[in-house]
């Protein structure tokens, strides 16, 4: 390997390190057997959630993660991976990835990720993808709270009726 190739790889590792530092989570996503149109649609949906899709060589990505977070990824990255960097909402991109329909039936696309500077396995991310969104949870909580308040109000009115 010549000096210019080494410098180029160092620049890529530095870019990855900077991107890791400026995002709150990363998902490792295997895009093997996906068509260009499918990837285009998936990227569009992820962009709407303020996510960035990058492809890097797995070895360079592992090096950057090791340098930045001190995490050894080992064999967690297989085949062709996209690295989906998430700025804000860490859960809705998981839902998008889990529910995205591909023409080819290829399981195990989510390879793992990094959340709160910790490695998360594909199985853990699968569990996280089933959590409702923040907005849905707030709506459900509000509905339950309003139901209980109205029930309590009726109860108080019944007590007041009994006193008169």
N, C-alpha and C. Protein backbone atom coordinates (compact mmCIF):
# COMPACT_ATOMS: atom_id res chain seq x y z
N UNK A 1 0.85 -1.17 0.00
CA UNK A 1 0.00 0.00 0.00
C UNK A 1 0.90 1.24 0.00
N UNK A 2 0.61 2.19 -0.89
CA UNK A 2 1.46 3.36 -0.98
C UNK A 2 0.99 4.46 0.00
N UNK A 3 1.81 5.49 0.09
CA UNK A 3 1.57 6.55 1.07
C UNK A 3 0.25 7.29 0.83
N UNK A 4 -0.11 7.51 -0.43
CA UNK A 4 -1.36 8.23 -0.71
C UNK A 4 -2.58 7.41 -0.31
N UNK A 5 -2.51 6.09 -0.46
CA UNK A 5 -3.62 5.23 -0.04
C UNK A 5 -3.77 5.26 1.48
N UNK A 6 -2.66 5.24 2.18
CA UNK A 6 -2.69 5.30 3.64
C UNK A 6 -3.28 6.62 4.11
N UNK A 7 -2.87 7.72 3.48
CA UNK A 7 -3.41 9.04 3.84
C UNK A 7 -4.91 9.11 3.57
N UNK A 8 -5.33 8.55 2.45
CA UNK A 8 -6.74 8.55 2.10
C UNK A 8 -7.56 7.76 3.14
N UNK A 9 -7.05 6.63 3.56
CA UNK A 9 -7.74 5.82 4.58
C UNK A 9 -7.79 6.56 5.91
N UNK A 10 -6.72 7.24 6.27
CA UNK A 10 -6.70 8.03 7.51
C UNK A 10 -7.75 9.14 7.45
N UNK A 11 -7.90 9.77 6.29
CA UNK A 11 -8.92 10.81 6.13
C UNK A 11 -10.32 10.24 6.30
N UNK A 12 -10.55 9.06 5.75
CA UNK A 12 -11.87 8.42 5.89
C UNK A 12 -12.13 8.09 7.35
N UNK A 13 -11.15 7.53 8.04
CA UNK A 13 -11.31 7.21 9.46
C UNK A 13 -11.61 8.48 10.25
N UNK A 14 -10.93 9.57 9.94
CA UNK A 14 -11.16 10.85 10.63
C UNK A 14 -12.59 11.36 10.36
N UNK A 15 -13.05 11.22 9.13
CA UNK A 15 -14.43 11.61 8.79
C UNK A 15 -15.44 10.79 9.59
N UNK A 16 -15.20 9.50 9.68
CA UNK A 16 -16.10 8.63 10.44
C UNK A 16 -16.09 9.04 11.92
N UNK A 17 -14.93 9.28 12.47
CA UNK A 17 -14.81 9.68 13.87
C UNK A 17 -15.60 10.95 14.13
N UNK A 18 -15.48 11.95 13.26
CA UNK A 18 -16.21 13.21 13.42
C UNK A 18 -17.72 12.98 13.33
N UNK A 19 -18.13 12.10 12.43
CA UNK A 19 -19.55 11.81 12.27
C UNK A 19 -20.09 11.08 13.50
N UNK A 20 -19.30 10.17 14.05
CA UNK A 20 -19.71 9.46 15.27
C UNK A 20 -19.93 10.46 16.40
N UNK A 21 -19.02 11.40 16.55
CA UNK A 21 -19.09 12.38 17.64
C UNK A 21 -20.30 13.30 17.51
N UNK A 22 -20.77 13.55 16.29
CA UNK A 22 -21.85 14.52 16.08
C UNK A 22 -23.23 13.88 16.00
N UNK A 23 -23.34 12.59 16.31
CA UNK A 23 -24.64 11.90 16.26
C UNK A 23 -24.88 11.15 17.55
N UNK A 24 -26.16 10.86 17.81
CA UNK A 24 -26.51 10.21 19.08
C UNK A 24 -26.56 8.69 18.99
N UNK A 25 -26.69 8.15 17.78
CA UNK A 25 -26.76 6.69 17.61
C UNK A 25 -26.35 6.32 16.19
N UNK A 26 -26.00 5.04 16.03
CA UNK A 26 -25.63 4.50 14.73
C UNK A 26 -26.24 3.12 14.61
N UNK A 27 -26.78 2.83 13.43
CA UNK A 27 -27.29 1.49 13.16
C UNK A 27 -26.46 0.91 12.01
N UNK A 28 -26.04 -0.34 12.18
CA UNK A 28 -25.31 -1.04 11.13
C UNK A 28 -26.35 -1.83 10.35
N UNK A 29 -26.46 -1.53 9.07
CA UNK A 29 -27.55 -2.09 8.26
C UNK A 29 -27.01 -2.76 7.02
N UNK A 30 -27.28 -4.04 6.86
CA UNK A 30 -26.82 -4.81 5.71
C UNK A 30 -27.77 -4.58 4.53
N UNK A 31 -27.25 -3.99 3.48
CA UNK A 31 -28.11 -3.69 2.32
C UNK A 31 -27.85 -4.65 1.15
N UNK A 32 -27.26 -5.81 1.42
CA UNK A 32 -27.05 -6.82 0.38
C UNK A 32 -28.39 -7.23 -0.24
N UNK A 33 -28.37 -7.54 -1.50
CA UNK A 33 -29.54 -8.03 -2.25
C UNK A 33 -30.65 -6.99 -2.37
N UNK A 34 -30.35 -5.73 -2.12
CA UNK A 34 -31.35 -4.67 -2.28
C UNK A 34 -31.07 -3.95 -3.60
N UNK A 35 -32.14 -3.58 -4.27
CA UNK A 35 -31.98 -2.86 -5.54
C UNK A 35 -31.67 -1.38 -5.28
N UNK A 36 -31.19 -0.70 -6.29
CA UNK A 36 -30.90 0.74 -6.17
C UNK A 36 -32.16 1.52 -5.84
N UNK A 37 -33.29 1.16 -6.46
CA UNK A 37 -34.54 1.86 -6.18
C UNK A 37 -34.98 1.67 -4.73
N UNK A 38 -34.82 0.46 -4.22
CA UNK A 38 -35.19 0.20 -2.83
C UNK A 38 -34.32 1.01 -1.88
N UNK A 39 -33.03 1.04 -2.14
CA UNK A 39 -32.12 1.81 -1.30
C UNK A 39 -32.46 3.29 -1.38
N UNK A 40 -32.76 3.79 -2.56
CA UNK A 40 -33.15 5.20 -2.73
C UNK A 40 -34.37 5.54 -1.88
N UNK A 41 -35.41 4.68 -1.93
CA UNK A 41 -36.63 4.91 -1.14
C UNK A 41 -36.34 4.87 0.35
N UNK A 42 -35.53 3.91 0.76
CA UNK A 42 -35.19 3.78 2.17
C UNK A 42 -34.41 5.00 2.66
N UNK A 43 -33.45 5.44 1.88
CA UNK A 43 -32.67 6.63 2.25
C UNK A 43 -33.57 7.86 2.39
N UNK A 44 -34.54 7.98 1.49
CA UNK A 44 -35.47 9.11 1.53
C UNK A 44 -36.27 9.11 2.83
N UNK A 45 -36.78 7.94 3.22
CA UNK A 45 -37.53 7.84 4.46
C UNK A 45 -36.66 8.17 5.67
N UNK A 46 -35.42 7.72 5.64
CA UNK A 46 -34.52 8.00 6.75
C UNK A 46 -34.13 9.47 6.82
N UNK A 47 -33.96 10.11 5.67
CA UNK A 47 -33.63 11.54 5.65
C UNK A 47 -34.74 12.36 6.30
N UNK A 48 -35.99 11.93 6.12
CA UNK A 48 -37.12 12.63 6.73
C UNK A 48 -37.03 12.59 8.26
N UNK A 49 -36.32 11.62 8.79
CA UNK A 49 -36.12 11.50 10.24
C UNK A 49 -34.76 12.05 10.66
N UNK A 50 -34.13 12.82 9.78
CA UNK A 50 -32.83 13.45 10.03
C UNK A 50 -31.72 12.43 10.27
N UNK A 51 -31.74 11.37 9.49
CA UNK A 51 -30.69 10.35 9.55
C UNK A 51 -29.81 10.45 8.32
N UNK A 52 -28.57 10.06 8.48
CA UNK A 52 -27.62 10.05 7.36
C UNK A 52 -27.19 8.62 7.07
N UNK A 53 -27.12 8.29 5.81
CA UNK A 53 -26.74 6.95 5.34
C UNK A 53 -25.36 7.04 4.72
N UNK A 54 -24.41 6.31 5.27
CA UNK A 54 -23.06 6.28 4.71
C UNK A 54 -22.64 4.84 4.51
N UNK A 55 -21.79 4.63 3.53
CA UNK A 55 -21.15 3.33 3.37
C UNK A 55 -19.65 3.53 3.50
N UNK A 56 -19.04 2.71 4.30
CA UNK A 56 -17.60 2.71 4.50
C UNK A 56 -17.14 1.26 4.50
N UNK A 57 -15.87 1.06 4.32
CA UNK A 57 -15.32 -0.28 4.50
C UNK A 57 -15.47 -0.64 5.98
N UNK A 58 -15.90 -1.86 6.24
CA UNK A 58 -16.12 -2.29 7.62
C UNK A 58 -14.88 -2.13 8.49
N UNK A 59 -13.71 -2.42 7.92
CA UNK A 59 -12.47 -2.31 8.71
C UNK A 59 -12.19 -0.86 9.11
N UNK A 60 -12.46 0.08 8.21
CA UNK A 60 -12.23 1.50 8.53
C UNK A 60 -13.23 1.98 9.57
N UNK A 61 -14.47 1.51 9.45
CA UNK A 61 -15.48 1.90 10.43
C UNK A 61 -15.12 1.34 11.81
N UNK A 62 -14.71 0.09 11.87
CA UNK A 62 -14.31 -0.52 13.15
C UNK A 62 -13.17 0.26 13.79
N UNK A 63 -12.21 0.67 12.97
CA UNK A 63 -11.05 1.44 13.46
C UNK A 63 -11.51 2.77 14.06
N UNK A 64 -12.42 3.44 13.38
CA UNK A 64 -12.92 4.74 13.86
C UNK A 64 -13.70 4.57 15.17
N UNK A 65 -14.50 3.53 15.27
CA UNK A 65 -15.27 3.27 16.50
C UNK A 65 -14.31 2.97 17.65
N UNK A 66 -13.30 2.18 17.36
CA UNK A 66 -12.28 1.86 18.38
C UNK A 66 -11.59 3.13 18.85
N UNK A 67 -11.19 3.99 17.91
CA UNK A 67 -10.50 5.24 18.25
C UNK A 67 -11.40 6.19 19.03
N UNK A 68 -12.66 6.31 18.63
CA UNK A 68 -13.56 7.30 19.20
C UNK A 68 -14.20 6.85 20.50
N UNK A 69 -14.71 5.62 20.52
CA UNK A 69 -15.50 5.15 21.67
C UNK A 69 -14.82 4.04 22.47
N UNK A 70 -13.74 3.50 21.94
CA UNK A 70 -13.07 2.41 22.64
C UNK A 70 -13.84 1.10 22.58
N UNK A 71 -14.72 0.97 21.59
CA UNK A 71 -15.54 -0.23 21.46
C UNK A 71 -14.94 -1.13 20.39
N UNK A 72 -14.76 -2.39 20.73
CA UNK A 72 -14.27 -3.40 19.79
C UNK A 72 -15.48 -4.09 19.18
N UNK A 73 -15.70 -3.93 17.88
CA UNK A 73 -16.88 -4.48 17.22
C UNK A 73 -16.74 -5.94 16.82
N UNK A 74 -15.54 -6.46 16.77
CA UNK A 74 -15.34 -7.87 16.45
C UNK A 74 -15.96 -8.27 15.14
N UNK A 75 -16.77 -9.34 15.14
CA UNK A 75 -17.38 -9.88 13.92
C UNK A 75 -18.81 -9.40 13.71
N UNK A 76 -19.18 -8.30 14.32
CA UNK A 76 -20.57 -7.83 14.23
C UNK A 76 -20.92 -7.28 12.86
N UNK A 77 -19.94 -6.95 12.05
CA UNK A 77 -20.20 -6.41 10.71
C UNK A 77 -19.90 -7.46 9.66
N UNK A 78 -20.93 -7.79 8.89
CA UNK A 78 -20.79 -8.78 7.84
C UNK A 78 -21.34 -8.21 6.54
N UNK A 79 -20.74 -8.56 5.44
CA UNK A 79 -21.21 -8.21 4.10
C UNK A 79 -21.20 -6.70 3.86
N UNK A 80 -22.17 -6.21 3.06
CA UNK A 80 -22.24 -4.79 2.68
C UNK A 80 -23.08 -4.02 3.70
N UNK A 81 -22.44 -3.12 4.41
CA UNK A 81 -23.16 -2.39 5.44
C UNK A 81 -23.28 -0.91 5.12
N UNK A 82 -24.44 -0.40 5.48
CA UNK A 82 -24.63 1.04 5.52
C UNK A 82 -24.58 1.40 7.00
N UNK A 83 -24.06 2.55 7.29
CA UNK A 83 -24.00 3.02 8.66
C UNK A 83 -24.95 4.21 8.73
N UNK A 84 -26.01 4.02 9.48
CA UNK A 84 -27.07 5.02 9.56
C UNK A 84 -26.85 5.82 10.84
N UNK A 85 -26.50 7.08 10.65
CA UNK A 85 -26.20 7.97 11.77
C UNK A 85 -27.47 8.74 12.12
N UNK A 86 -27.80 8.73 13.41
CA UNK A 86 -29.05 9.31 13.90
C UNK A 86 -28.73 10.49 14.80
N UNK A 87 -29.35 11.62 14.51
CA UNK A 87 -29.13 12.81 15.33
C UNK A 87 -30.08 12.87 16.52
N UNK A 88 -31.38 12.74 16.29
CA UNK A 88 -32.36 13.00 17.34
C UNK A 88 -33.10 11.74 17.77
N UNK A 89 -34.22 11.50 17.15
CA UNK A 89 -35.09 10.38 17.51
C UNK A 89 -34.40 9.06 17.19
N UNK A 90 -34.04 8.33 18.23
CA UNK A 90 -33.26 7.11 18.04
C UNK A 90 -34.11 5.89 17.73
N UNK A 91 -35.43 6.00 17.82
CA UNK A 91 -36.27 4.82 17.68
C UNK A 91 -37.06 4.77 16.37
N UNK A 92 -37.51 5.90 15.86
CA UNK A 92 -38.28 5.85 14.61
C UNK A 92 -37.46 5.33 13.42
N UNK A 93 -36.15 5.61 13.32
CA UNK A 93 -35.39 4.99 12.22
C UNK A 93 -35.39 3.46 12.31
N UNK A 94 -35.38 2.93 13.52
CA UNK A 94 -35.45 1.48 13.69
C UNK A 94 -36.74 0.92 13.12
N UNK A 95 -37.84 1.62 13.37
CA UNK A 95 -39.14 1.20 12.84
C UNK A 95 -39.14 1.23 11.31
N UNK A 96 -38.56 2.28 10.76
CA UNK A 96 -38.47 2.39 9.30
C UNK A 96 -37.70 1.20 8.74
N UNK A 97 -36.55 0.91 9.33
CA UNK A 97 -35.71 -0.18 8.84
C UNK A 97 -36.40 -1.53 9.02
N UNK A 98 -37.06 -1.71 10.14
CA UNK A 98 -37.73 -2.98 10.41
C UNK A 98 -38.90 -3.22 9.46
N UNK A 99 -39.63 -2.17 9.14
CA UNK A 99 -40.86 -2.32 8.36
C UNK A 99 -40.68 -2.11 6.85
N UNK A 100 -39.47 -1.73 6.43
CA UNK A 100 -39.26 -1.45 5.02
C UNK A 100 -39.41 -2.74 4.21
N UNK A 101 -40.19 -2.68 3.15
CA UNK A 101 -40.46 -3.85 2.31
C UNK A 101 -39.46 -3.93 1.15
N UNK A 102 -38.71 -5.01 1.11
CA UNK A 102 -37.80 -5.27 0.01
C UNK A 102 -38.40 -6.33 -0.89
N UNK A 103 -38.05 -6.29 -2.16
CA UNK A 103 -38.53 -7.31 -3.10
C UNK A 103 -37.92 -8.67 -2.80
N UNK A 104 -36.67 -8.68 -2.39
CA UNK A 104 -36.02 -9.96 -2.08
C UNK A 104 -36.18 -10.24 -0.59
N UNK A 105 -36.37 -11.48 -0.25
CA UNK A 105 -36.56 -11.87 1.14
C UNK A 105 -35.19 -12.14 1.76
N UNK A 106 -34.64 -11.14 2.42
CA UNK A 106 -33.32 -11.25 3.02
C UNK A 106 -33.45 -10.83 4.48
N UNK A 107 -33.31 -11.78 5.39
CA UNK A 107 -33.47 -11.51 6.82
C UNK A 107 -32.16 -11.04 7.44
N UNK A 108 -32.26 -10.49 8.61
CA UNK A 108 -31.08 -10.09 9.37
C UNK A 108 -30.38 -8.88 8.83
N UNK A 109 -31.13 -7.91 8.37
CA UNK A 109 -30.51 -6.70 7.81
C UNK A 109 -29.86 -5.83 8.90
N UNK A 110 -30.52 -5.69 10.04
CA UNK A 110 -29.93 -4.89 11.12
C UNK A 110 -28.85 -5.75 11.78
N UNK A 111 -27.62 -5.27 11.70
CA UNK A 111 -26.47 -6.02 12.22
C UNK A 111 -26.10 -5.65 13.65
N UNK A 112 -26.60 -4.53 14.12
CA UNK A 112 -26.25 -4.03 15.45
C UNK A 112 -26.20 -2.52 15.39
N UNK A 113 -25.67 -1.93 16.43
CA UNK A 113 -25.59 -0.48 16.45
C UNK A 113 -24.88 0.04 17.68
N UNK A 114 -24.84 1.34 17.77
CA UNK A 114 -24.25 2.00 18.93
C UNK A 114 -25.29 3.00 19.44
N UNK A 115 -25.70 2.81 20.68
CA UNK A 115 -26.64 3.70 21.37
C UNK A 115 -26.02 4.07 22.70
N UNK A 116 -26.04 5.37 23.02
CA UNK A 116 -25.44 5.86 24.26
C UNK A 116 -24.00 5.36 24.43
N UNK A 117 -23.26 5.40 23.34
CA UNK A 117 -21.84 5.00 23.32
C UNK A 117 -21.61 3.55 23.73
N UNK A 118 -22.61 2.71 23.56
CA UNK A 118 -22.49 1.27 23.84
C UNK A 118 -22.91 0.48 22.63
N UNK A 119 -22.24 -0.66 22.42
CA UNK A 119 -22.64 -1.55 21.33
C UNK A 119 -23.95 -2.22 21.69
N UNK A 120 -24.87 -2.25 20.74
CA UNK A 120 -26.17 -2.90 20.91
C UNK A 120 -26.28 -3.97 19.83
N UNK A 121 -26.64 -5.19 20.23
CA UNK A 121 -26.73 -6.29 19.27
C UNK A 121 -27.96 -6.14 18.39
N UNK A 122 -27.98 -6.91 17.32
CA UNK A 122 -29.13 -6.91 16.42
C UNK A 122 -30.41 -7.34 17.15
N UNK A 123 -30.29 -8.28 18.07
CA UNK A 123 -31.47 -8.74 18.82
C UNK A 123 -32.01 -7.64 19.74
N UNK A 124 -31.13 -6.89 20.38
CA UNK A 124 -31.55 -5.79 21.24
C UNK A 124 -32.21 -4.69 20.41
N UNK A 125 -31.66 -4.42 19.24
CA UNK A 125 -32.26 -3.40 18.38
C UNK A 125 -33.63 -3.84 17.88
N UNK A 126 -33.79 -5.12 17.64
CA UNK A 126 -35.09 -5.67 17.24
C UNK A 126 -36.13 -5.39 18.34
N UNK A 127 -35.74 -5.58 19.58
CA UNK A 127 -36.64 -5.30 20.71
C UNK A 127 -36.95 -3.80 20.79
N UNK A 128 -35.94 -2.97 20.61
CA UNK A 128 -36.14 -1.52 20.66
C UNK A 128 -37.06 -1.04 19.55
N UNK A 129 -37.03 -1.73 18.40
CA UNK A 129 -37.85 -1.31 17.27
C UNK A 129 -39.34 -1.50 17.53
N UNK A 130 -39.68 -2.29 18.52
CA UNK A 130 -41.10 -2.52 18.83
C UNK A 130 -41.65 -1.50 19.82
N UNK A 131 -40.80 -0.64 20.35
CA UNK A 131 -41.26 0.41 21.28
C UNK A 131 -42.01 1.47 20.50
N UNK A 132 -43.13 1.90 21.03
CA UNK A 132 -43.91 2.96 20.38
C UNK A 132 -43.13 4.27 20.40
N UNK A 133 -43.48 5.16 19.48
CA UNK A 133 -42.81 6.46 19.41
C UNK A 133 -43.16 7.30 20.63
N UNK A 134 -42.35 8.29 20.87
CA UNK A 134 -42.56 9.20 22.00
C UNK A 134 -43.94 9.85 21.90
N UNK A 135 -44.32 10.28 20.70
CA UNK A 135 -45.60 10.94 20.50
C UNK A 135 -46.76 9.99 20.82
N UNK A 136 -46.64 8.74 20.39
CA UNK A 136 -47.69 7.75 20.65
C UNK A 136 -47.80 7.47 22.14
N UNK A 137 -46.67 7.32 22.80
CA UNK A 137 -46.69 7.06 24.24
C UNK A 137 -47.28 8.22 25.02
N UNK A 138 -46.96 9.45 24.62
CA UNK A 138 -47.52 10.63 25.28
C UNK A 138 -49.02 10.67 25.06
N UNK A 139 -49.48 10.39 23.84
CA UNK A 139 -50.91 10.37 23.54
C UNK A 139 -51.63 9.31 24.39
N UNK A 140 -51.06 8.12 24.46
CA UNK A 140 -51.67 7.05 25.24
C UNK A 140 -51.72 7.42 26.72
N UNK A 141 -50.63 7.99 27.24
CA UNK A 141 -50.60 8.40 28.64
C UNK A 141 -51.63 9.48 28.91
N UNK A 142 -51.72 10.45 28.01
CA UNK A 142 -52.69 11.53 28.14
C UNK A 142 -54.12 10.97 28.14
N UNK A 143 -54.39 10.03 27.27
CA UNK A 143 -55.73 9.44 27.19
C UNK A 143 -56.09 8.71 28.48
N UNK A 144 -55.15 7.94 29.00
CA UNK A 144 -55.40 7.23 30.26
C UNK A 144 -55.61 8.23 31.39
N UNK A 145 -54.80 9.25 31.43
CA UNK A 145 -54.90 10.27 32.47
C UNK A 145 -56.25 10.99 32.39
N UNK A 146 -56.68 11.36 31.19
CA UNK A 146 -57.97 12.04 31.03
C UNK A 146 -59.13 11.13 31.44
N UNK A 147 -59.05 9.85 31.11
CA UNK A 147 -60.08 8.90 31.49
C UNK A 147 -60.17 8.81 33.01
N UNK A 148 -59.02 8.70 33.67
CA UNK A 148 -59.02 8.59 35.14
C UNK A 148 -59.49 9.88 35.80
N UNK A 149 -59.15 11.02 35.23
CA UNK A 149 -59.61 12.31 35.79
C UNK A 149 -61.13 12.41 35.66
N UNK A 150 -61.67 12.03 34.51
CA UNK A 150 -63.14 12.11 34.34
C UNK A 150 -63.82 11.12 35.27
N UNK A 151 -63.26 9.95 35.44
CA UNK A 151 -63.82 8.96 36.36
C UNK A 151 -63.78 9.48 37.80
N UNK A 152 -62.68 10.11 38.19
CA UNK A 152 -62.56 10.67 39.53
C UNK A 152 -63.56 11.82 39.72
N UNK A 153 -63.73 12.64 38.68
CA UNK A 153 -64.69 13.75 38.75
C UNK A 153 -66.10 13.23 38.96
N UNK A 154 -66.48 12.19 38.23
CA UNK A 154 -67.81 11.57 38.42
C UNK A 154 -67.96 11.03 39.84
N UNK A 155 -66.90 10.42 40.35
CA UNK A 155 -66.92 9.87 41.70
C UNK A 155 -67.16 10.98 42.73
N UNK A 156 -66.47 12.11 42.56
CA UNK A 156 -66.63 13.26 43.48
C UNK A 156 -68.05 13.79 43.39
N UNK A 157 -68.61 13.88 42.18
CA UNK A 157 -69.98 14.37 42.02
C UNK A 157 -70.97 13.44 42.71
N UNK A 158 -70.74 12.13 42.64
CA UNK A 158 -71.61 11.16 43.30
C UNK A 158 -71.55 11.34 44.82
N UNK A 159 -70.37 11.59 45.33
CA UNK A 159 -70.22 11.86 46.77
C UNK A 159 -70.96 13.10 47.17
N UNK A 160 -70.85 14.16 46.36
CA UNK A 160 -71.55 15.43 46.64
C UNK A 160 -73.06 15.24 46.61
N UNK A 161 -73.57 14.41 45.69
CA UNK A 161 -75.00 14.13 45.61
C UNK A 161 -75.46 13.45 46.88
N UNK A 162 -74.68 12.58 47.42
CA UNK A 162 -75.03 11.85 48.64
C UNK A 162 -75.07 12.73 49.87
N UNK A 163 -74.33 13.82 49.88
CA UNK A 163 -74.30 14.74 51.02
C UNK A 163 -75.50 15.66 51.04
N UNK A 164 -76.10 15.95 49.89
CA UNK A 164 -77.19 16.92 49.86
C UNK A 164 -78.53 16.31 50.13
